[in-house]
Amino acid sequence: MKAFEKCPVCGGELVEKEVEKLLKGGVHTAVLKVRAEVCLRCGERLYPVETVKRFEQIRQKLERQEVADFQPLGQTFQVAH
């Protein structure tokens, strides 16, 4: 059963979708695909508790630079103004 029948932000309809989530920790960023309830009106994403706990574990690994088990996707660059 869904935690919410309607979006808690705007009252719009929620649908389950696979979405990409960017997680940042320290100087590192991870990209992962997860299931979420997404509002068709405002775009708000609602994640299951287990998924949110996984996000925190990944952020902590990124901050500690424990990235050996992550697959590199490329490099990130900062452009000066």
Protein backbone atom coordinates (compact mmCIF):
# COMPACT_ATOMS: atom_id res chain seq x y z
CA MET A 1 0.00 0.00 0.00
CA LYS A 2 1.23 3.49 -0.83
CA ALA A 3 2.20 5.79 2.04
CA PHE A 4 0.29 8.60 0.30
CA GLU A 5 -2.69 8.44 -2.03
CA LYS A 6 -2.05 11.98 -3.30
CA CYS A 7 1.02 14.23 -3.35
CA PRO A 8 1.58 15.73 0.12
CA VAL A 9 2.89 18.93 -1.51
CA CYS A 10 0.18 19.79 -4.06
CA GLY A 11 -2.44 17.02 -3.92
CA GLY A 12 -1.59 15.75 -7.42
CA GLU A 13 -1.69 12.16 -8.65
CA LEU A 14 1.28 9.90 -7.79
CA VAL A 15 2.68 7.29 -10.17
CA GLU A 16 5.52 4.85 -9.61
CA LYS A 17 8.49 5.45 -11.89
CA GLU A 18 12.16 4.61 -12.19
CA VAL A 19 14.14 7.82 -11.66
CA GLU A 20 17.79 8.86 -11.56
CA LYS A 21 19.02 10.23 -8.25
CA LEU A 22 22.22 12.24 -7.82
CA LEU A 23 23.92 11.87 -4.45
CA LYS A 24 26.79 14.09 -3.34
CA GLY A 25 29.27 13.35 -0.60
CA GLY A 26 32.43 15.37 -0.15
CA VAL A 27 33.90 15.98 -3.61
CA HIS A 28 32.26 12.89 -5.12
CA THR A 29 28.89 12.39 -6.80
CA ALA A 30 27.04 9.12 -7.46
CA VAL A 31 24.20 8.46 -9.89
CA LEU A 32 21.73 5.65 -9.28
CA LYS A 33 18.39 4.52 -10.65
CA VAL A 34 15.66 3.86 -8.09
CA ARG A 35 11.88 3.47 -7.92
CA ALA A 36 9.91 6.44 -6.56
CA GLU A 37 6.38 7.73 -6.41
CA VAL A 38 6.40 10.85 -8.60
CA CYS A 39 3.73 13.54 -8.65
CA LEU A 40 2.36 14.17 -12.14
CA ARG A 41 1.54 17.78 -11.24
CA CYS A 42 4.57 19.18 -9.36
CA GLY A 43 7.23 16.48 -9.85
CA GLU A 44 7.75 15.81 -6.13
CA ARG A 45 9.45 12.44 -5.53
CA LEU A 46 8.57 10.16 -2.63
CA TYR A 47 11.07 7.40 -1.84
CA PRO A 48 10.56 4.30 0.32
CA VAL A 49 12.30 4.41 3.74
CA GLU A 50 14.71 1.64 2.67
CA THR A 51 15.77 3.69 -0.36
CA VAL A 52 16.39 6.79 1.76
CA LYS A 53 18.56 4.70 4.12
CA ARG A 54 20.51 3.45 1.09
CA PHE A 55 21.01 7.07 -0.04
CA GLU A 56 22.56 7.92 3.34
CA GLN A 57 24.89 4.89 3.22
CA ILE A 58 26.09 5.89 -0.25
CA ARG A 59 26.61 9.54 0.82
CA GLN A 60 28.71 8.39 3.77
CA LYS A 61 30.85 6.19 1.51
CA LEU A 62 31.36 9.12 -0.87
CA GLU A 63 32.40 11.42 1.99
CA ARG A 64 34.90 8.81 3.26
CA GLN A 65 36.12 8.29 -0.33
CA GLU A 66 35.21 4.58 -0.11
CA VAL A 67 34.43 4.40 -3.82
CA ALA A 68 36.26 1.20 -4.81
CA ASP A 69 32.97 -0.69 -5.31
CA PHE A 70 31.43 2.12 -7.42
CA GLN A 71 31.73 2.16 -11.20
CA PRO A 72 33.35 5.34 -12.57
CA LEU A 73 31.29 7.16 -15.22
CA GLY A 74 33.68 9.93 -16.16
CA GLN A 75 35.03 13.12 -14.63
CA THR A 76 33.41 16.24 -13.29
CA PHE A 77 34.86 19.69 -13.91
CA GLN A 78 34.26 23.11 -12.38
CA VAL A 79 34.33 26.00 -14.82
CA ALA A 80 35.73 29.32 -13.57
CA HIS A 81 33.48 32.38 -13.94
